[in-house]
C-alpha atoms as a PDB file:
ATOM      1  CA  MET A   1     -51.996 -56.042  30.273  1.00  0.00           C
ATOM      2  CA  ASN A   2     -54.997 -57.367  32.207  1.00  0.00           C
ATOM      3  CA  ALA A   3     -54.711 -57.030  35.997  1.00  0.00           C
ATOM      4  CA  PRO A   4     -57.030 -58.688  38.516  1.00  0.00           C
ATOM      5  CA  VAL A   5     -59.702 -56.510  40.076  1.00  0.00           C
ATOM      6  CA  ALA A   6     -60.382 -56.673  43.799  1.00  0.00           C
ATOM      7  CA  PRO A   7     -63.774 -58.424  44.242  1.00  0.00           C
ATOM      8  CA  HIS A   8     -65.227 -55.795  46.603  1.00  0.00           C
ATOM      9  CA  LEU A   9     -64.907 -53.061  43.959  1.00  0.00           C
ATOM     10  CA  ARG A  10     -67.095 -52.392  40.950  1.00  0.00           C
ATOM     11  CA  GLU A  11     -65.325 -53.771  37.917  1.00  0.00           C
ATOM     12  CA  GLY A  12     -64.005 -51.061  35.623  1.00  0.00           C
ATOM     13  CA  ALA A  13     -64.811 -48.140  37.946  1.00  0.00           C
ATOM     14  CA  PRO A  14     -61.926 -45.784  38.789  1.00  0.00           C
ATOM     15  CA  TRP A  15     -60.748 -46.250  42.341  1.00  0.00           C
ATOM     16  CA  VAL A  16     -60.079 -42.558  42.689  1.00  0.00           C
ATOM     17  CA  ARG A  17     -61.071 -39.700  40.429  1.00  0.00           C
ATOM     18  CA  GLY A  18     -60.297 -35.972  40.521  1.00  0.00           C
ATOM     19  CA  ILE A  19     -62.774 -33.842  38.583  1.00  0.00           C
ATOM     20  CA  GLY A  20     -62.024 -30.264  37.549  1.00  0.00           C
ATOM     21  CA  LEU A  21     -59.368 -29.856  40.227  1.00  0.00           C
ATOM     22  CA  THR A  22     -57.879 -26.447  40.897  1.00  0.00           C
ATOM     23  CA  LEU A  23     -55.139 -26.557  43.513  1.00  0.00           C
ATOM     24  CA  ARG A  24     -53.452 -23.645  45.224  1.00  0.00           C
ATOM     25  CA  ALA A  25     -50.526 -23.410  47.607  1.00  0.00           C
ATOM     26  CA  GLY A  26     -48.649 -20.485  49.099  1.00  0.00           C
ATOM     27  CA  GLY A  27     -50.944 -17.967  47.470  1.00  0.00           C
ATOM     28  CA  ARG A  28     -50.420 -19.257  43.935  1.00  0.00           C
ATOM     29  CA  THR A  29     -52.372 -21.535  41.627  1.00  0.00           C
ATOM     30  CA  LEU A  30     -50.640 -24.816  40.848  1.00  0.00           C
ATOM     31  CA  PHE A  31     -53.033 -25.846  38.081  1.00  0.00           C
ATOM     32  CA  GLU A  32     -56.662 -25.441  37.109  1.00  0.00           C
ATOM     33  CA  GLY A  33     -59.399 -27.771  35.883  1.00  0.00           C
ATOM     34  CA  LEU A  34     -57.388 -30.988  36.069  1.00  0.00           C
ATOM     35  CA  ASP A  35     -59.213 -34.283  35.511  1.00  0.00           C
ATOM     36  CA  LEU A  36     -57.489 -37.461  36.642  1.00  0.00           C
ATOM     37  CA  ALA A  37     -58.755 -40.995  37.244  1.00  0.00           C
ATOM     38  CA  VAL A  38     -56.827 -44.048  38.447  1.00  0.00           C
ATOM     39  CA  SER A  39     -58.408 -47.391  37.622  1.00  0.00           C
ATOM     40  CA  PRO A  40     -57.798 -50.857  39.090  1.00  0.00           C
ATOM     41  CA  GLY A  41     -54.463 -52.260  37.991  1.00  0.00           C
ATOM     42  CA  GLU A  42     -52.984 -48.985  36.746  1.00  0.00           C
ATOM     43  CA  LEU A  43     -49.526 -47.671  37.519  1.00  0.00           C
ATOM     44  CA  VAL A  44     -49.669 -43.892  37.108  1.00  0.00           C
ATOM     45  CA  VAL A  45     -46.581 -41.711  37.528  1.00  0.00           C
ATOM     46  CA  LEU A  46     -46.893 -38.030  38.485  1.00  0.00           C
ATOM     47  CA  THR A  47     -43.810 -36.055  37.532  1.00  0.00           C
ATOM     48  CA  GLY A  48     -42.764 -32.448  37.112  1.00  0.00           C
ATOM     49  CA  PRO A  49     -40.357 -29.907  38.597  1.00  0.00           C
ATOM     50  CA  ASN A  50     -40.293 -28.842  42.226  1.00  0.00           C
ATOM     51  CA  GLY A  51     -43.347 -26.759  43.040  1.00  0.00           C
ATOM     52  CA  SER A  52     -45.463 -28.178  40.228  1.00  0.00           C
ATOM     53  CA  GLY A  53     -47.962 -29.644  42.699  1.00  0.00           C
ATOM     54  CA  LYS A  54     -47.179 -33.363  42.601  1.00  0.00           C
ATOM     55  CA  SER A  55     -47.371 -33.948  46.349  1.00  0.00           C
ATOM     56  CA  THR A  56     -50.319 -31.593  46.745  1.00  0.00           C
ATOM     57  CA  LEU A  57     -52.249 -33.450  44.062  1.00  0.00           C
ATOM     58  CA  LEU A  58     -51.490 -36.816  45.659  1.00  0.00           C
ATOM     59  CA  ARG A  59     -52.627 -35.612  49.071  1.00  0.00           C
ATOM     60  CA  THR A  60     -55.772 -34.139  47.535  1.00  0.00           C
ATOM     61  CA  LEU A  61     -56.644 -37.427  45.841  1.00  0.00           C
ATOM     62  CA  LEU A  62     -56.252 -39.140  49.226  1.00  0.00           C
ATOM     63  CA  GLY A  63     -58.512 -36.621  50.954  1.00  0.00           C
ATOM     64  CA  LEU A  64     -55.699 -35.140  53.056  1.00  0.00           C
ATOM     65  CA  GLU A  65     -56.055 -31.714  51.427  1.00  0.00           C
ATOM     66  CA  ARG A  66     -59.023 -29.951  49.860  1.00  0.00           C
ATOM     67  CA  PRO A  67     -59.001 -28.506  46.348  1.00  0.00           C
ATOM     68  CA  ALA A  68     -59.781 -24.854  45.768  1.00  0.00           C
ATOM     69  CA  PHE A  69     -62.292 -26.009  43.160  1.00  0.00           C
ATOM     70  CA  GLY A  70     -63.429 -29.377  41.868  1.00  0.00           C
ATOM     71  CA  ARG A  71     -63.998 -32.613  43.716  1.00  0.00           C
ATOM     72  CA  VAL A  72     -62.488 -36.013  44.412  1.00  0.00           C
ATOM     73  CA  GLU A  73     -64.407 -39.288  44.289  1.00  0.00           C
ATOM     74  CA  ARG A  74     -63.153 -42.544  45.786  1.00  0.00           C
ATOM     75  CA  ILE A  75     -64.798 -45.950  45.868  1.00  0.00           C
ATOM     76  CA  GLU A  76     -65.870 -46.817  49.381  1.00  0.00           C
ATOM     77  CA  GLY A  77     -63.901 -49.648  50.925  1.00  0.00           C
ATOM     78  CA  VAL A  78     -60.745 -49.291  48.846  1.00  0.00           C
ATOM     79  CA  ARG A  79     -57.689 -49.988  51.008  1.00  0.00           C
ATOM     80  CA  ILE A  80     -54.963 -47.385  50.579  1.00  0.00           C
ATOM     81  CA  GLY A  81     -51.294 -47.572  51.535  1.00  0.00           C
ATOM     82  CA  TYR A  82     -49.510 -44.224  51.625  1.00  0.00           C
ATOM     83  CA  VAL A  83     -45.830 -43.306  51.733  1.00  0.00           C
ATOM     84  CA  PRO A  84     -45.656 -39.557  52.464  1.00  0.00           C
ATOM     85  CA  GLN A  85     -42.893 -37.244  51.382  1.00  0.00           C
ATOM     86  CA  LEU A  86     -42.576 -35.671  54.814  1.00  0.00           C
ATOM     87  CA  ASP A  87     -40.726 -37.856  57.283  1.00  0.00           C
ATOM     88  CA  PRO A  88     -42.641 -38.521  60.530  1.00  0.00           C
ATOM     89  CA  GLY A  89     -39.281 -39.066  62.217  1.00  0.00           C
ATOM     90  CA  ASP A  90     -38.928 -35.296  62.216  1.00  0.00           C
ATOM     91  CA  ALA A  91     -41.448 -35.235  65.075  1.00  0.00           C
ATOM     92  CA  GLY A  92     -38.959 -37.150  67.214  1.00  0.00           C
ATOM     93  CA  LEU A  93     -41.340 -39.967  68.192  1.00  0.00           C
ATOM     94  CA  PRO A  94     -39.216 -42.748  69.736  1.00  0.00           C
ATOM     95  CA  PHE A  95     -41.143 -45.699  68.270  1.00  0.00           C
ATOM     96  CA  PRO A  96     -39.343 -48.829  67.069  1.00  0.00           C
ATOM     97  CA  ALA A  97     -39.472 -49.575  63.356  1.00  0.00           C
ATOM     98  CA  SER A  98     -41.843 -52.508  63.946  1.00  0.00           C
ATOM     99  CA  SER A  99     -44.372 -50.226  65.659  1.00  0.00           C
ATOM    100  CA  ILE A 100     -44.324 -47.826  62.701  1.00  0.00           C
ATOM    101  CA  VAL A 101     -45.043 -50.719  60.331  1.00  0.00           C
ATOM    102  CA  ALA A 102     -47.797 -52.039  62.628  1.00  0.00           C
ATOM    103  CA  GLN A 103     -49.751 -48.831  62.043  1.00  0.00           C
ATOM    104  CA  GLY A 104     -50.450 -50.141  58.541  1.00  0.00           C
ATOM    105  CA  LEU A 105     -52.342 -53.118  59.970  1.00  0.00           C
ATOM    106  CA  GLU A 106     -55.095 -50.980  61.450  1.00  0.00           C
ATOM    107  CA  GLY A 107     -58.306 -52.122  59.820  1.00  0.00           C
ATOM    108  CA  ALA A 108     -56.621 -54.977  57.929  1.00  0.00           C
ATOM    109  CA  ASN A 109     -58.318 -58.357  57.952  1.00  0.00           C
ATOM    110  CA  SER A 110     -57.113 -61.107  60.246  1.00  0.00           C
ATOM    111  CA  SER A 111     -55.487 -63.112  57.435  1.00  0.00           C
ATOM    112  CA  PHE A 112     -53.163 -60.196  56.643  1.00  0.00           C
ATOM    113  CA  GLY A 113     -53.810 -60.555  52.939  1.00  0.00           C
ATOM    114  CA  TRP A 114     -50.776 -61.032  50.738  1.00  0.00           C
ATOM    115  CA  TRP A 115     -48.358 -62.665  53.147  1.00  0.00           C
ATOM    116  CA  GLY A 116     -50.657 -64.764  55.276  1.00  0.00           C
ATOM    117  CA  GLY A 117     -50.336 -64.963  59.032  1.00  0.00           C
ATOM    118  CA  ALA A 118     -52.295 -66.837  61.635  1.00  0.00           C
ATOM    119  CA  GLY A 119     -53.725 -63.798  63.380  1.00  0.00           C
ATOM    120  CA  GLY A 120     -53.065 -62.713  66.931  1.00  0.00           C
ATOM    121  CA  ARG A 121     -49.781 -61.316  68.192  1.00  0.00           C
ATOM    122  CA  ALA A 122     -47.628 -63.999  66.595  1.00  0.00           C
ATOM    123  CA  GLY A 123     -49.301 -63.470  63.227  1.00  0.00           C
ATOM    124  CA  ARG A 124     -48.850 -59.704  63.442  1.00  0.00           C
ATOM    125  CA  ARG A 125     -45.170 -60.038  64.292  1.00  0.00           C
ATOM    126  CA  ALA A 126     -44.635 -62.449  61.420  1.00  0.00           C
ATOM    127  CA  VAL A 127     -46.336 -60.280  58.807  1.00  0.00           C
ATOM    128  CA  ILE A 128     -44.518 -57.151  60.028  1.00  0.00           C
ATOM    129  CA  ALA A 129     -41.192 -58.975  59.773  1.00  0.00           C
ATOM    130  CA  GLU A 130     -42.103 -60.197  56.285  1.00  0.00           C
ATOM    131  CA  ALA A 131     -43.047 -56.690  55.132  1.00  0.00           C
ATOM    132  CA  LEU A 132     -39.719 -55.325  56.371  1.00  0.00           C
ATOM    133  CA  THR A 133     -37.861 -58.133  54.620  1.00  0.00           C
ATOM    134  CA  ARG A 134     -39.716 -57.509  51.360  1.00  0.00           C
ATOM    135  CA  VAL A 135     -38.625 -53.861  51.240  1.00  0.00           C
ATOM    136  CA  GLY A 136     -34.995 -54.728  51.997  1.00  0.00           C
ATOM    137  CA  TYR A 137     -34.898 -53.401  55.550  1.00  0.00           C
ATOM    138  CA  ARG A 138     -31.922 -54.944  57.349  1.00  0.00           C
ATOM    139  CA  ALA A 139     -31.661 -53.107  60.670  1.00  0.00           C
ATOM    140  CA  PRO A 140     -33.222 -54.640  63.811  1.00  0.00           C
ATOM    141  CA  PRO A 141     -37.032 -54.156  63.881  1.00  0.00           C
ATOM    142  CA  SER A 142     -36.672 -52.961  67.474  1.00  0.00           C
ATOM    143  CA  ARG A 143     -34.414 -50.059  66.513  1.00  0.00           C
ATOM    144  CA  ARG A 144     -36.009 -46.675  67.102  1.00  0.00           C
ATOM    145  CA  TYR A 145     -37.208 -45.011  63.951  1.00  0.00           C
ATOM    146  CA  THR A 146     -35.454 -41.761  64.842  1.00  0.00           C
ATOM    147  CA  ARG A 147     -32.106 -43.607  64.919  1.00  0.00           C
ATOM    148  CA  LEU A 148     -32.446 -44.960  61.383  1.00  0.00           C
ATOM    149  CA  SER A 149     -30.779 -43.560  58.291  1.00  0.00           C
ATOM    150  CA  GLY A 150     -32.859 -41.768  55.689  1.00  0.00           C
ATOM    151  CA  GLY A 151     -32.911 -44.822  53.421  1.00  0.00           C
ATOM    152  CA  GLU A 152     -33.922 -47.125  56.272  1.00  0.00           C
ATOM    153  CA  ARG A 153     -36.752 -44.772  57.206  1.00  0.00           C
ATOM    154  CA  ARG A 154     -38.080 -44.802  53.661  1.00  0.00           C
ATOM    155  CA  ARG A 155     -38.085 -48.605  53.719  1.00  0.00           C
ATOM    156  CA  VAL A 156     -39.997 -48.630  57.012  1.00  0.00           C
ATOM    157  CA  LEU A 157     -42.611 -46.260  55.604  1.00  0.00           C
ATOM    158  CA  LEU A 158     -42.927 -48.424  52.513  1.00  0.00           C
ATOM    159  CA  ALA A 159     -43.362 -51.530  54.668  1.00  0.00           C
ATOM    160  CA  ARG A 160     -46.090 -49.714  56.616  1.00  0.00           C
ATOM    161  CA  ALA A 161     -47.868 -48.902  53.355  1.00  0.00           C
ATOM    162  CA  LEU A 162     -47.636 -52.492  52.121  1.00  0.00           C
ATOM    163  CA  VAL A 163     -48.350 -54.498  55.263  1.00  0.00           C
ATOM    164  CA  GLY A 164     -52.145 -54.071  55.151  1.00  0.00           C
ATOM    165  CA  SER A 165     -52.369 -55.452  51.572  1.00  0.00           C
ATOM    166  CA  PRO A 166     -53.707 -52.241  49.987  1.00  0.00           C
ATOM    167  CA  ASP A 167     -55.668 -52.049  46.757  1.00  0.00           C
ATOM    168  CA  LEU A 168     -54.073 -48.684  45.980  1.00  0.00           C
ATOM    169  CA  LEU A 169     -50.542 -47.546  46.810  1.00  0.00           C
ATOM    170  CA  ALA A 170     -49.887 -43.801  46.907  1.00  0.00           C
ATOM    171  CA  LEU A 171     -46.131 -43.250  46.852  1.00  0.00           C
ATOM    172  CA  ASP A 172     -44.526 -39.827  47.240  1.00  0.00           C
ATOM    173  CA  GLU A 173     -40.913 -40.309  46.131  1.00  0.00           C
ATOM    174  CA  PRO A 174     -40.607 -43.604  48.024  1.00  0.00           C
ATOM    175  CA  THR A 175     -36.965 -44.141  47.059  1.00  0.00           C
ATOM    176  CA  ALA A 176     -35.674 -40.736  48.242  1.00  0.00           C
ATOM    177  CA  GLY A 177     -32.536 -41.364  50.273  1.00  0.00           C
ATOM    178  CA  VAL A 178     -32.273 -44.976  49.075  1.00  0.00           C
ATOM    179  CA  ASP A 179     -29.111 -45.999  47.204  1.00  0.00           C
ATOM    180  CA  ALA A 180     -29.206 -47.103  43.564  1.00  0.00           C
ATOM    181  CA  ALA A 181     -29.275 -50.825  44.382  1.00  0.00           C
ATOM    182  CA  GLY A 182     -32.038 -50.317  46.916  1.00  0.00           C
ATOM    183  CA  GLU A 183     -33.988 -48.200  44.445  1.00  0.00           C
ATOM    184  CA  GLY A 184     -33.900 -51.099  42.010  1.00  0.00           C
ATOM    185  CA  GLU A 185     -35.177 -53.477  44.696  1.00  0.00           C
ATOM    186  CA  VAL A 186     -38.072 -51.171  45.575  1.00  0.00           C
ATOM    187  CA  LEU A 187     -38.956 -50.662  41.921  1.00  0.00           C
ATOM    188  CA  GLU A 188     -38.959 -54.416  41.305  1.00  0.00           C
ATOM    189  CA  LEU A 189     -41.195 -54.999  44.332  1.00  0.00           C
ATOM    190  CA  ILE A 190     -43.745 -52.309  43.450  1.00  0.00           C
ATOM    191  CA  VAL A 191     -43.911 -53.154  39.761  1.00  0.00           C
ATOM    192  CA  GLY A 192     -44.280 -56.823  40.719  1.00  0.00           C
ATOM    193  CA  LEU A 193     -47.258 -56.013  42.952  1.00  0.00           C
ATOM    194  CA  ASN A 194     -48.837 -54.090  40.101  1.00  0.00           C
ATOM    195  CA  ARG A 195     -48.311 -56.829  37.545  1.00  0.00           C
ATOM    196  CA  GLU A 196     -48.955 -59.892  39.675  1.00  0.00           C
ATOM    197  CA  ARG A 197     -51.575 -58.703  42.153  1.00  0.00           C
ATOM    198  CA  GLY A 198     -53.207 -55.857  40.262  1.00  0.00           C
ATOM    199  CA  THR A 199     -52.285 -53.330  42.926  1.00  0.00           C
ATOM    200  CA  SER A 200     -52.989 -49.842  41.619  1.00  0.00           C
ATOM    201  CA  ILE A 201     -50.133 -47.370  42.016  1.00  0.00           C
ATOM    202  CA  ILE A 202     -49.859 -43.577  42.043  1.00  0.00           C
ATOM    203  CA  TRP A 203     -46.144 -42.785  42.124  1.00  0.00           C
ATOM    204  CA  VAL A 204     -44.777 -39.265  42.547  1.00  0.00           C
ATOM    205  CA  ALA A 205     -41.283 -39.085  41.057  1.00  0.00           C
ATOM    206  CA  HIS A 206     -38.752 -36.552  39.811  1.00  0.00           C
ATOM    207  CA  GLY A 207     -36.868 -38.839  37.463  1.00  0.00           C
ATOM    208  CA  ILE A 208     -38.869 -41.419  35.537  1.00  0.00           C
ATOM    209  CA  GLN A 209     -36.182 -43.238  33.546  1.00  0.00           C
ATOM    210  CA  ARG A 210     -36.488 -46.458  35.561  1.00  0.00           C
ATOM    211  CA  LEU A 211     -40.276 -46.183  35.837  1.00  0.00           C
ATOM    212  CA  GLU A 212     -41.294 -45.212  32.337  1.00  0.00           C
ATOM    213  CA  ALA A 213     -41.238 -48.704  30.846  1.00  0.00           C
ATOM    214  CA  SER A 214     -43.481 -50.063  33.615  1.00  0.00           C
ATOM    215  CA  ALA A 215     -45.958 -47.175  33.869  1.00  0.00           C
ATOM    216  CA  HIS A 216     -49.326 -47.229  32.165  1.00  0.00           C
ATOM    217  CA  ARG A 217     -49.380 -43.424  32.170  1.00  0.00           C
ATOM    218  CA  VAL A 218     -46.938 -40.629  32.956  1.00  0.00           C
ATOM    219  CA  ILE A 219     -48.515 -37.268  33.817  1.00  0.00           C
ATOM    220  CA  ASP A 220     -46.142 -34.290  33.659  1.00  0.00           C
ATOM    221  CA  LEU A 221     -47.662 -31.582  35.831  1.00  0.00           C
ATOM    222  CA  GLY A 222     -45.038 -29.112  34.685  1.00  0.00           C
ATOM    223  CA  ALA A 223     -46.288 -29.473  31.118  1.00  0.00           C
ATOM    224  CA  SER A 224     -49.885 -28.762  32.199  1.00  0.00           C
ATOM    225  CA  ARG A 225     -49.134 -25.140  33.099  1.00  0.00           C
END
């Protein structure tokens, strides 16, 4: 399957690459000497049991954590959308859902990429509303994030990751707390972005049954021990 490559990136170069990574957490070694590269247009699934280092590896590839050994290389200018595993609602910040999504527009170009928009306040509101619609969010955009259900929060975080038209989506169990029908909607949306727009995906998941047919690679971190 040939996926389009973003014009500001070198064709064929991995967007992110981990070289000889050794990761540690809680005084133990998760894995040693891991090499991993994600190229334009790839959908890569990271799986494995709890404690195998999936989230730690994802955060390390994004530069949010440092490896014990090895290094991470990323192409300058690649736009990254990230859905974390930890829920920022736990901090009790009383922001409306629309304000959470708007964080994803920081640094985005004025055309708002995938879903258009005329720029300015009206354009921002329109593209935020469109992002929320695309992920199946149905509560009022003005509702405080801390008042949302777990599934609604995951949809808001996904909309925040998508709204800036990223080249690379880093998803840490993005459907946790989402019902089966909603999980199917999210899967269809993400796989569609990969196939139609060439968006590169790193997806952390426990179960891969619904992802396996769409993934280019599945990396089982539990098997690497």
